[in-house]
Full PDB file with SEQRES, HELIX, SHEET, SSBOND, CRYST1, ORIGX, SCALE, CONECT and MASTER records, all heavy atoms in Angstrom:
SEQRES   1 A   35  ALA PRO VAL ALA MET PRO ALA PRO VAL ALA MET MET SER          
SEQRES   2 A   35  PRO GLN GLU ARG GLU PHE ARG LYS LYS LEU LYS GLU LEU          
SEQRES   3 A   35  ARG GLU HIS LEU THR GLN ASN ALA ASP                          
HELIX    1 AA1 PRO A   14  GLN A   32  1                                  19    
CRYST1    1.000    1.000    1.000  90.00  90.00  90.00 P 1           1          
ORIGX1      1.000000  0.000000  0.000000        0.00000                         
ORIGX2      0.000000  1.000000  0.000000        0.00000                         
ORIGX3      0.000000  0.000000  1.000000        0.00000                         
SCALE1      1.000000  0.000000  0.000000        0.00000                         
SCALE2      0.000000  1.000000  0.000000        0.00000                         
SCALE3      0.000000  0.000000  1.000000        0.00000                         
ATOM      1  N   ALA A   1       0.895  -1.190   0.017  1.00  0.00           N  
ATOM      2  CA  ALA A   1       0.018  -0.041   0.028  1.00  0.00           C  
ATOM      3  C   ALA A   1       0.856   1.202   0.014  1.00  0.00           C  
ATOM      4  O   ALA A   1       1.971   1.259   0.604  1.00  0.00           O  
ATOM      5  CB  ALA A   1      -0.825   0.015   1.208  1.00  0.00           C  
ATOM      6  N   PRO A   2       0.491   2.277  -0.695  1.00  0.00           N  
ATOM      7  CA  PRO A   2       1.334   3.481  -0.842  1.00  0.00           C  
ATOM      8  C   PRO A   2       1.529   4.110   0.633  1.00  0.00           C  
ATOM      9  O   PRO A   2       0.530   4.085   1.407  1.00  0.00           O  
ATOM     10  CB  PRO A   2       0.605   4.447  -1.701  1.00  0.00           C  
ATOM     11  CG  PRO A   2      -0.723   3.819  -2.011  1.00  0.00           C  
ATOM     12  CD  PRO A   2      -0.714   2.412  -1.583  1.00  0.00           C  
ATOM     13  N   VAL A   3       2.682   4.486   0.873  1.00  0.00           N  
ATOM     14  CA  VAL A   3       2.831   5.189   2.192  1.00  0.00           C  
ATOM     15  C   VAL A   3       2.524   6.554   2.132  1.00  0.00           C  
ATOM     16  O   VAL A   3       2.927   7.303   1.226  1.00  0.00           O  
ATOM     17  CB  VAL A   3       4.408   5.023   2.573  1.00  0.00           C  
ATOM     18  CG1 VAL A   3       4.683   5.722   3.922  1.00  0.00           C  
ATOM     19  CG2 VAL A   3       4.847   3.533   2.585  1.00  0.00           C  
ATOM     20  N   ALA A   4       1.580   7.041   2.987  1.00  0.00           N  
ATOM     21  CA  ALA A   4       1.213   8.385   3.007  1.00  0.00           C  
ATOM     22  C   ALA A   4       2.240   9.297   3.652  1.00  0.00           C  
ATOM     23  O   ALA A   4       2.641   9.058   4.792  1.00  0.00           O  
ATOM     24  CB  ALA A   4      -0.136   8.472   3.838  1.00  0.00           C  
ATOM     25  N   MET A   5       2.693  10.209   2.823  1.00  0.00           N  
ATOM     26  CA  MET A   5       3.749  11.118   3.385  1.00  0.00           C  
ATOM     27  C   MET A   5       3.005  12.243   3.998  1.00  0.00           C  
ATOM     28  O   MET A   5       2.107  12.804   3.366  1.00  0.00           O  
ATOM     29  CB  MET A   5       4.642  11.601   2.160  1.00  0.00           C  
ATOM     30  CG  MET A   5       5.399  10.533   1.478  1.00  0.00           C  
ATOM     31  SD  MET A   5       6.633   9.851   2.478  1.00  0.00           S  
ATOM     32  CE  MET A   5       7.854  11.005   2.417  1.00  0.00           C  
ATOM     33  N   PRO A   6       3.412  12.658   5.176  1.00  0.00           N  
ATOM     34  CA  PRO A   6       2.817  13.841   5.753  1.00  0.00           C  
ATOM     35  C   PRO A   6       3.016  15.147   5.007  1.00  0.00           C  
ATOM     36  O   PRO A   6       4.108  15.297   4.453  1.00  0.00           O  
ATOM     37  CB  PRO A   6       3.412  13.906   7.194  1.00  0.00           C  
ATOM     38  CG  PRO A   6       4.689  13.148   7.069  1.00  0.00           C  
ATOM     39  CD  PRO A   6       4.543  12.134   5.919  1.00  0.00           C  
ATOM     40  N   ALA A   7       1.965  15.887   4.817  1.00  0.00           N  
ATOM     41  CA  ALA A   7       2.147  17.210   4.029  1.00  0.00           C  
ATOM     42  C   ALA A   7       2.845  18.174   4.965  1.00  0.00           C  
ATOM     43  O   ALA A   7       2.719  18.213   6.192  1.00  0.00           O  
ATOM     44  CB  ALA A   7       0.787  17.671   3.719  1.00  0.00           C  
ATOM     45  N   PRO A   8       3.695  18.944   4.324  1.00  0.00           N  
ATOM     46  CA  PRO A   8       4.414  20.030   5.147  1.00  0.00           C  
ATOM     47  C   PRO A   8       3.438  21.034   5.609  1.00  0.00           C  
ATOM     48  O   PRO A   8       2.536  21.398   4.892  1.00  0.00           O  
ATOM     49  CB  PRO A   8       5.405  20.586   4.118  1.00  0.00           C  
ATOM     50  CG  PRO A   8       5.032  20.173   2.809  1.00  0.00           C  
ATOM     51  CD  PRO A   8       4.176  18.975   2.863  1.00  0.00           C  
ATOM     52  N   VAL A   9       3.618  21.487   6.814  1.00  0.00           N  
ATOM     53  CA  VAL A   9       2.653  22.416   7.450  1.00  0.00           C  
ATOM     54  C   VAL A   9       3.438  23.518   8.052  1.00  0.00           C  
ATOM     55  O   VAL A   9       4.596  23.216   8.656  1.00  0.00           O  
ATOM     56  CB  VAL A   9       1.759  21.680   8.502  1.00  0.00           C  
ATOM     57  CG1 VAL A   9       0.882  22.733   9.206  1.00  0.00           C  
ATOM     58  CG2 VAL A   9       0.953  20.628   7.876  1.00  0.00           C  
ATOM     59  N   ALA A  10       3.045  24.790   7.951  1.00  0.00           N  
ATOM     60  CA  ALA A  10       3.764  25.863   8.574  1.00  0.00           C  
ATOM     61  C   ALA A  10       2.847  26.712   9.392  1.00  0.00           C  
ATOM     62  O   ALA A  10       1.673  26.863   9.001  1.00  0.00           O  
ATOM     63  CB  ALA A  10       4.346  26.753   7.497  1.00  0.00           C  
ATOM     64  N   MET A  11       3.287  27.181  10.510  1.00  0.00           N  
ATOM     65  CA  MET A  11       2.490  28.076  11.366  1.00  0.00           C  
ATOM     66  C   MET A  11       3.059  29.469  11.145  1.00  0.00           C  
ATOM     67  O   MET A  11       4.298  29.641  11.070  1.00  0.00           O  
ATOM     68  CB  MET A  11       2.670  27.690  12.791  1.00  0.00           C  
ATOM     69  CG  MET A  11       2.153  26.362  13.201  1.00  0.00           C  
ATOM     70  SD  MET A  11       0.354  26.322  13.065  1.00  0.00           S  
ATOM     71  CE  MET A  11      -0.145  27.428  14.345  1.00  0.00           C  
ATOM     72  N   MET A  12       2.193  30.382  10.759  1.00  0.00           N  
ATOM     73  CA  MET A  12       2.618  31.806  10.477  1.00  0.00           C  
ATOM     74  C   MET A  12       2.591  32.547  11.784  1.00  0.00           C  
ATOM     75  O   MET A  12       1.549  32.560  12.460  1.00  0.00           O  
ATOM     76  CB  MET A  12       1.829  32.377   9.440  1.00  0.00           C  
ATOM     77  CG  MET A  12       2.315  32.007   8.009  1.00  0.00           C  
ATOM     78  SD  MET A  12       1.588  33.132   6.814  1.00  0.00           S  
ATOM     79  CE  MET A  12      -0.066  32.446   6.723  1.00  0.00           C  
ATOM     80  N   SER A  13       3.566  33.347  12.020  1.00  0.00           N  
ATOM     81  CA  SER A  13       3.571  34.284  13.103  1.00  0.00           C  
ATOM     82  C   SER A  13       2.704  35.505  12.757  1.00  0.00           C  
ATOM     83  O   SER A  13       2.444  35.756  11.584  1.00  0.00           O  
ATOM     84  CB  SER A  13       5.033  34.775  13.450  1.00  0.00           C  
ATOM     85  OG  SER A  13       5.521  35.581  12.422  1.00  0.00           O  
ATOM     86  N   PRO A  14       2.334  36.280  13.763  1.00  0.00           N  
ATOM     87  CA  PRO A  14       1.513  37.410  13.451  1.00  0.00           C  
ATOM     88  C   PRO A  14       2.367  38.502  12.474  1.00  0.00           C  
ATOM     89  O   PRO A  14       1.727  39.054  11.669  1.00  0.00           O  
ATOM     90  CB  PRO A  14       1.286  38.143  14.863  1.00  0.00           C  
ATOM     91  CG  PRO A  14       1.368  37.019  15.752  1.00  0.00           C  
ATOM     92  CD  PRO A  14       2.368  36.023  15.181  1.00  0.00           C  
ATOM     93  N   GLN A  15       3.643  38.561  12.664  1.00  0.00           N  
ATOM     94  CA  GLN A  15       4.488  39.316  11.785  1.00  0.00           C  
ATOM     95  C   GLN A  15       4.399  38.860  10.293  1.00  0.00           C  
ATOM     96  O   GLN A  15       4.209  39.666   9.461  1.00  0.00           O  
ATOM     97  CB  GLN A  15       5.933  39.312  12.304  1.00  0.00           C  
ATOM     98  CG  GLN A  15       6.113  40.018  13.662  1.00  0.00           C  
ATOM     99  CD  GLN A  15       5.930  39.046  14.775  1.00  0.00           C  
ATOM    100  OE1 GLN A  15       5.577  37.844  14.704  1.00  0.00           O  
ATOM    101  NE2 GLN A  15       6.053  39.547  16.032  1.00  0.00           N  
ATOM    102  N   GLU A  16       4.463  37.518  10.157  1.00  0.00           N  
ATOM    103  CA  GLU A  16       4.419  36.976   8.843  1.00  0.00           C  
ATOM    104  C   GLU A  16       3.045  37.181   8.144  1.00  0.00           C  
ATOM    105  O   GLU A  16       2.887  37.585   7.015  1.00  0.00           O  
ATOM    106  CB  GLU A  16       4.666  35.446   8.842  1.00  0.00           C  
ATOM    107  CG  GLU A  16       6.149  35.205   9.122  1.00  0.00           C  
ATOM    108  CD  GLU A  16       6.427  33.701   9.169  1.00  0.00           C  
ATOM    109  OE1 GLU A  16       5.708  32.926  10.012  1.00  0.00           O  
ATOM    110  OE2 GLU A  16       7.416  33.238   8.687  1.00  0.00           O  
ATOM    111  N   ARG A  17       1.933  37.080   8.986  1.00  0.00           N  
ATOM    112  CA  ARG A  17       0.651  37.389   8.458  1.00  0.00           C  
ATOM    113  C   ARG A  17       0.536  38.878   8.086  1.00  0.00           C  
ATOM    114  O   ARG A  17      -0.110  39.157   6.992  1.00  0.00           O  
ATOM    115  CB  ARG A  17      -0.422  37.129   9.540  1.00  0.00           C  
ATOM    116  CG  ARG A  17      -0.658  35.630   9.813  1.00  0.00           C  
ATOM    117  CD  ARG A  17      -1.910  35.454  10.765  1.00  0.00           C  
ATOM    118  NE  ARG A  17      -1.850  34.197  11.369  1.00  0.00           N  
ATOM    119  CZ  ARG A  17      -2.250  33.071  10.824  1.00  0.00           C  
ATOM    120  NH1 ARG A  17      -2.666  33.075   9.569  1.00  0.00           N  
ATOM    121  NH2 ARG A  17      -2.210  31.901  11.428  1.00  0.00           N  
ATOM    122  N   GLU A  18       1.110  39.753   8.860  1.00  0.00           N  
ATOM    123  CA  GLU A  18       1.003  41.255   8.531  1.00  0.00           C  
ATOM    124  C   GLU A  18       1.823  41.424   7.262  1.00  0.00           C  
ATOM    125  O   GLU A  18       1.395  42.281   6.376  1.00  0.00           O  
ATOM    126  CB  GLU A  18       1.572  41.991   9.634  1.00  0.00           C  
ATOM    127  CG  GLU A  18       1.479  43.519   9.479  1.00  0.00           C  
ATOM    128  CD  GLU A  18       0.021  44.082   9.318  1.00  0.00           C  
ATOM    129  OE1 GLU A  18      -0.873  43.425   9.853  1.00  0.00           O  
ATOM    130  OE2 GLU A  18      -0.109  45.138   8.741  1.00  0.00           O  
ATOM    131  N   PHE A  19       3.029  40.836   7.185  1.00  0.00           N  
ATOM    132  CA  PHE A  19       3.812  41.012   5.992  1.00  0.00           C  
ATOM    133  C   PHE A  19       3.103  40.525   4.780  1.00  0.00           C  
ATOM    134  O   PHE A  19       3.099  41.204   3.729  1.00  0.00           O  
ATOM    135  CB  PHE A  19       5.142  40.242   6.203  1.00  0.00           C  
ATOM    136  CG  PHE A  19       6.118  40.388   5.138  1.00  0.00           C  
ATOM    137  CD1 PHE A  19       6.793  41.589   4.841  1.00  0.00           C  
ATOM    138  CD2 PHE A  19       6.440  39.374   4.136  1.00  0.00           C  
ATOM    139  CE1 PHE A  19       7.665  41.766   3.781  1.00  0.00           C  
ATOM    140  CE2 PHE A  19       7.254  39.555   3.164  1.00  0.00           C  
ATOM    141  CZ  PHE A  19       7.965  40.701   2.914  1.00  0.00           C  
ATOM    142  N   ARG A  20       2.460  39.353   4.798  1.00  0.00           N  
ATOM    143  CA  ARG A  20       1.717  38.819   3.653  1.00  0.00           C  
ATOM    144  C   ARG A  20       0.602  39.734   3.332  1.00  0.00           C  
ATOM    145  O   ARG A  20       0.343  39.957   2.113  1.00  0.00           O  
ATOM    146  CB  ARG A  20       1.184  37.427   3.989  1.00  0.00           C  
ATOM    147  CG  ARG A  20       2.246  36.304   3.969  1.00  0.00           C  
ATOM    148  CD  ARG A  20       1.700  34.996   4.461  1.00  0.00           C  
ATOM    149  NE  ARG A  20       0.644  34.549   3.668  1.00  0.00           N  
ATOM    150  CZ  ARG A  20       0.798  33.645   2.619  1.00  0.00           C  
ATOM    151  NH1 ARG A  20       2.027  33.229   2.296  1.00  0.00           N  
ATOM    152  NH2 ARG A  20      -0.159  33.308   1.986  1.00  0.00           N  
ATOM    153  N   LYS A  21      -0.086  40.356   4.297  1.00  0.00           N  
ATOM    154  CA  LYS A  21      -1.239  41.235   4.019  1.00  0.00           C  
ATOM    155  C   LYS A  21      -0.679  42.505   3.310  1.00  0.00           C  
ATOM    156  O   LYS A  21      -1.236  42.862   2.330  1.00  0.00           O  
ATOM    157  CB  LYS A  21      -1.889  41.602   5.428  1.00  0.00           C  
ATOM    158  CG  LYS A  21      -2.960  42.575   5.298  1.00  0.00           C  
ATOM    159  CD  LYS A  21      -3.504  42.978   6.612  1.00  0.00           C  
ATOM    160  CE  LYS A  21      -4.468  44.129   6.451  1.00  0.00           C  
ATOM    161  NZ  LYS A  21      -4.856  44.797   7.758  1.00  0.00           N  
ATOM    162  N   LYS A  22       0.479  42.924   3.767  1.00  0.00           N  
ATOM    163  CA  LYS A  22       1.115  44.205   3.053  1.00  0.00           C  
ATOM    164  C   LYS A  22       1.492  43.798   1.612  1.00  0.00           C  
ATOM    165  O   LYS A  22       1.275  44.582   0.722  1.00  0.00           O  
ATOM    166  CB  LYS A  22       2.316  44.666   3.805  1.00  0.00           C  
ATOM    167  CG  LYS A  22       2.033  45.191   5.195  1.00  0.00           C  
ATOM    168  CD  LYS A  22       1.319  46.538   5.156  1.00  0.00           C  
ATOM    169  CE  LYS A  22       1.133  47.136   6.566  1.00  0.00           C  
ATOM    170  NZ  LYS A  22       0.183  48.138   6.524  1.00  0.00           N  
ATOM    171  N   LEU A  23       2.112  42.587   1.424  1.00  0.00           N  
ATOM    172  CA  LEU A  23       2.382  42.216   0.091  1.00  0.00           C  
ATOM    173  C   LEU A  23       1.196  42.124  -0.849  1.00  0.00           C  
ATOM    174  O   LEU A  23       1.214  42.541  -1.966  1.00  0.00           O  
ATOM    175  CB  LEU A  23       3.143  40.927   0.040  1.00  0.00           C  
ATOM    176  CG  LEU A  23       4.674  40.892   0.378  1.00  0.00           C  
ATOM    177  CD1 LEU A  23       5.201  39.473   0.470  1.00  0.00           C  
ATOM    178  CD2 LEU A  23       5.431  41.732  -0.517  1.00  0.00           C  
ATOM    179  N   LYS A  24       0.176  41.582  -0.218  1.00  0.00           N  
ATOM    180  CA  LYS A  24      -1.131  41.453  -1.051  1.00  0.00           C  
ATOM    181  C   LYS A  24      -1.662  42.903  -1.413  1.00  0.00           C  
ATOM    182  O   LYS A  24      -2.101  43.115  -2.504  1.00  0.00           O  
ATOM    183  CB  LYS A  24      -2.153  40.632  -0.234  1.00  0.00           C  
ATOM    184  CG  LYS A  24      -3.394  40.344  -1.020  1.00  0.00           C  
ATOM    185  CD  LYS A  24      -4.312  39.466  -0.257  1.00  0.00           C  
ATOM    186  CE  LYS A  24      -5.571  39.054  -1.074  1.00  0.00           C  
ATOM    187  NZ  LYS A  24      -6.493  38.277  -0.275  1.00  0.00           N  
ATOM    188  N   GLU A  25      -1.592  43.741  -0.441  1.00  0.00           N  
ATOM    189  CA  GLU A  25      -2.032  45.173  -0.704  1.00  0.00           C  
ATOM    190  C   GLU A  25      -1.246  45.816  -1.728  1.00  0.00           C  
ATOM    191  O   GLU A  25      -1.732  46.518  -2.654  1.00  0.00           O  
ATOM    192  CB  GLU A  25      -2.077  45.916   0.594  1.00  0.00           C  
ATOM    193  CG  GLU A  25      -3.092  45.472   1.590  1.00  0.00           C  
ATOM    194  CD  GLU A  25      -2.960  46.259   2.911  1.00  0.00           C  
ATOM    195  OE1 GLU A  25      -2.067  47.097   3.152  1.00  0.00           O  
ATOM    196  OE2 GLU A  25      -3.774  45.950   3.918  1.00  0.00           O  
ATOM    197  N   LEU A  26       0.065  45.640  -1.656  1.00  0.00           N  
ATOM    198  CA  LEU A  26       0.983  46.205  -2.662  1.00  0.00           C  
ATOM    199  C   LEU A  26       0.647  45.722  -4.083  1.00  0.00           C  
ATOM    200  O   LEU A  26       0.641  46.549  -5.028  1.00  0.00           O  
ATOM    201  CB  LEU A  26       2.460  45.886  -2.255  1.00  0.00           C  
ATOM    202  CG  LEU A  26       3.479  46.318  -3.329  1.00  0.00           C  
ATOM    203  CD1 LEU A  26       3.533  47.918  -3.458  1.00  0.00           C  
ATOM    204  CD2 LEU A  26       4.870  45.788  -2.935  1.00  0.00           C  
ATOM    205  N   ARG A  27       0.515  44.387  -4.190  1.00  0.00           N  
ATOM    206  CA  ARG A  27       0.208  43.755  -5.497  1.00  0.00           C  
ATOM    207  C   ARG A  27      -1.050  44.447  -5.945  1.00  0.00           C  
ATOM    208  O   ARG A  27      -1.220  44.759  -7.196  1.00  0.00           O  
ATOM    209  CB  ARG A  27       0.168  42.405  -5.401  1.00  0.00           C  
ATOM    210  CG  ARG A  27      -0.162  41.723  -6.819  1.00  0.00           C  
ATOM    211  CD  ARG A  27      -0.212  40.131  -6.670  1.00  0.00           C  
ATOM    212  NE  ARG A  27      -0.469  39.575  -7.977  1.00  0.00           N  
ATOM    213  CZ  ARG A  27       0.282  39.288  -8.966  1.00  0.00           C  
ATOM    214  NH1 ARG A  27       1.531  39.560  -8.823  1.00  0.00           N  
ATOM    215  NH2 ARG A  27      -0.178  38.773 -10.080  1.00  0.00           N  
ATOM    216  N   GLU A  28      -2.165  44.464  -5.262  1.00  0.00           N  
ATOM    217  CA  GLU A  28      -3.466  44.959  -5.599  1.00  0.00           C  
ATOM    218  C   GLU A  28      -3.270  46.387  -5.964  1.00  0.00           C  
ATOM    219  O   GLU A  28      -3.863  46.819  -7.060  1.00  0.00           O  
ATOM    220  CB  GLU A  28      -4.480  44.846  -4.490  1.00  0.00           C  
ATOM    221  CG  GLU A  28      -4.949  43.384  -4.283  1.00  0.00           C  
ATOM    222  CD  GLU A  28      -5.804  43.240  -3.189  1.00  0.00           C  
ATOM    223  OE1 GLU A  28      -6.172  44.224  -2.418  1.00  0.00           O  
ATOM    224  OE2 GLU A  28      -6.169  42.091  -2.760  1.00  0.00           O  
ATOM    225  N   HIS A  29      -2.634  47.264  -5.282  1.00  0.00           N  
ATOM    226  CA  HIS A  29      -2.338  48.658  -5.651  1.00  0.00           C  
ATOM    227  C   HIS A  29      -1.676  48.795  -6.973  1.00  0.00           C  
ATOM    228  O   HIS A  29      -2.027  49.573  -7.794  1.00  0.00           O  
ATOM    229  CB  HIS A  29      -1.514  49.349  -4.581  1.00  0.00           C  
ATOM    230  CG  HIS A  29      -1.229  50.771  -4.961  1.00  0.00           C  
ATOM    231  ND1 HIS A  29      -2.052  51.795  -4.829  1.00  0.00           N  
ATOM    232  CD2 HIS A  29      -0.095  51.293  -5.449  1.00  0.00           C  
ATOM    233  CE1 HIS A  29      -1.476  52.930  -5.231  1.00  0.00           C  
ATOM    234  NE2 HIS A  29      -0.292  52.628  -5.574  1.00  0.00           N  
ATOM    235  N   LEU A  30      -0.612  47.993  -7.147  1.00  0.00           N  
ATOM    236  CA  LEU A  30       0.108  48.021  -8.489  1.00  0.00           C  
ATOM    237  C   LEU A  30      -0.785  47.646  -9.667  1.00  0.00           C  
ATOM    238  O   LEU A  30      -0.751  48.338 -10.704  1.00  0.00           O  
ATOM    239  CB  LEU A  30       1.290  47.195  -8.359  1.00  0.00           C  
ATOM    240  CG  LEU A  30       2.487  47.723  -7.488  1.00  0.00           C  
ATOM    241  CD1 LEU A  30       3.565  46.602  -7.337  1.00  0.00           C  
ATOM    242  CD2 LEU A  30       3.035  49.002  -7.963  1.00  0.00           C  
ATOM    243  N   THR A  31      -1.414  46.586  -9.471  1.00  0.00           N  
ATOM    244  CA  THR A  31      -2.281  46.103 -10.620  1.00  0.00           C  
ATOM    245  C   THR A  31      -3.499  46.975 -10.854  1.00  0.00           C  
ATOM    246  O   THR A  31      -3.914  47.096 -12.015  1.00  0.00           O  
ATOM    247  CB  THR A  31      -2.792  44.615 -10.422  1.00  0.00           C  
ATOM    248  OG1 THR A  31      -3.493  44.518  -9.211  1.00  0.00           O  
ATOM    249  CG2 THR A  31      -1.597  43.701 -10.430  1.00  0.00           C  
ATOM    250  N   GLN A  32      -4.016  47.680  -9.868  1.00  0.00           N  
ATOM    251  CA  GLN A  32      -5.227  48.580 -10.049  1.00  0.00           C  
ATOM    252  C   GLN A  32      -4.792  49.913 -10.614  1.00  0.00           C  
ATOM    253  O   GLN A  32      -5.608  50.561 -11.209  1.00  0.00           O  
ATOM    254  CB  GLN A  32      -5.900  48.748  -8.727  1.00  0.00           C  
ATOM    255  CG  GLN A  32      -6.656  47.477  -8.287  1.00  0.00           C  
ATOM    256  CD  GLN A  32      -7.340  47.650  -6.955  1.00  0.00           C  
ATOM    257  OE1 GLN A  32      -7.199  48.750  -6.211  1.00  0.00           O  
ATOM    258  NE2 GLN A  32      -8.039  46.673  -6.420  1.00  0.00           N  
ATOM    259  N   ASN A  33      -3.574  50.293 -10.421  1.00  0.00           N  
ATOM    260  CA  ASN A  33      -3.061  51.687 -10.740  1.00  0.00           C  
ATOM    261  C   ASN A  33      -2.084  51.675 -11.831  1.00  0.00           C  
ATOM    262  O   ASN A  33      -1.290  52.557 -12.105  1.00  0.00           O  
ATOM    263  CB  ASN A  33      -2.500  52.383  -9.598  1.00  0.00           C  
ATOM    264  CG  ASN A  33      -3.471  52.605  -8.568  1.00  0.00           C  
ATOM    265  OD1 ASN A  33      -4.426  53.424  -8.752  1.00  0.00           O  
ATOM    266  ND2 ASN A  33      -3.482  51.919  -7.429  1.00  0.00           N  
ATOM    267  N   ALA A  34      -1.997  50.496 -12.636  1.00  0.00           N  
ATOM    268  CA  ALA A  34      -1.011  50.442 -13.709  1.00  0.00           C  
ATOM    269  C   ALA A  34      -1.734  49.726 -14.894  1.00  0.00           C  
ATOM    270  O   ALA A  34      -2.742  49.075 -14.752  1.00  0.00           O  
ATOM    271  CB  ALA A  34       0.288  49.569 -13.350  1.00  0.00           C  
ATOM    272  N   ASP A  35      -1.120  49.906 -16.093  1.00  0.00           N  
ATOM    273  CA  ASP A  35      -1.671  49.290 -17.243  1.00  0.00           C  
ATOM    274  C   ASP A  35      -1.051  47.920 -17.531  1.00  0.00           C  
ATOM    275  O   ASP A  35       0.201  47.769 -17.481  1.00  0.00           O  
ATOM    276  CB  ASP A  35      -1.350  50.197 -18.617  1.00  0.00           C  
ATOM    277  CG  ASP A  35      -2.047  51.572 -18.445  1.00  0.00           C  
ATOM    278  OD1 ASP A  35      -3.108  51.637 -17.876  1.00  0.00           O  
ATOM    279  OD2 ASP A  35      -1.404  52.503 -18.916  1.00  0.00           O  
TER     280      ASP A  35                                                      
MASTER        0    0    0    1    0    0    0    6  279    1    0    3          
END                                                                             
């Protein structure tokens, strides 16, 4: 039977969540205000 490999899991710190939020906002700003 195939051996089930555990999927990698990461816990994000509040700082990482904030950083991701800022990156998402930056991308949205750039795509909304550029051609």
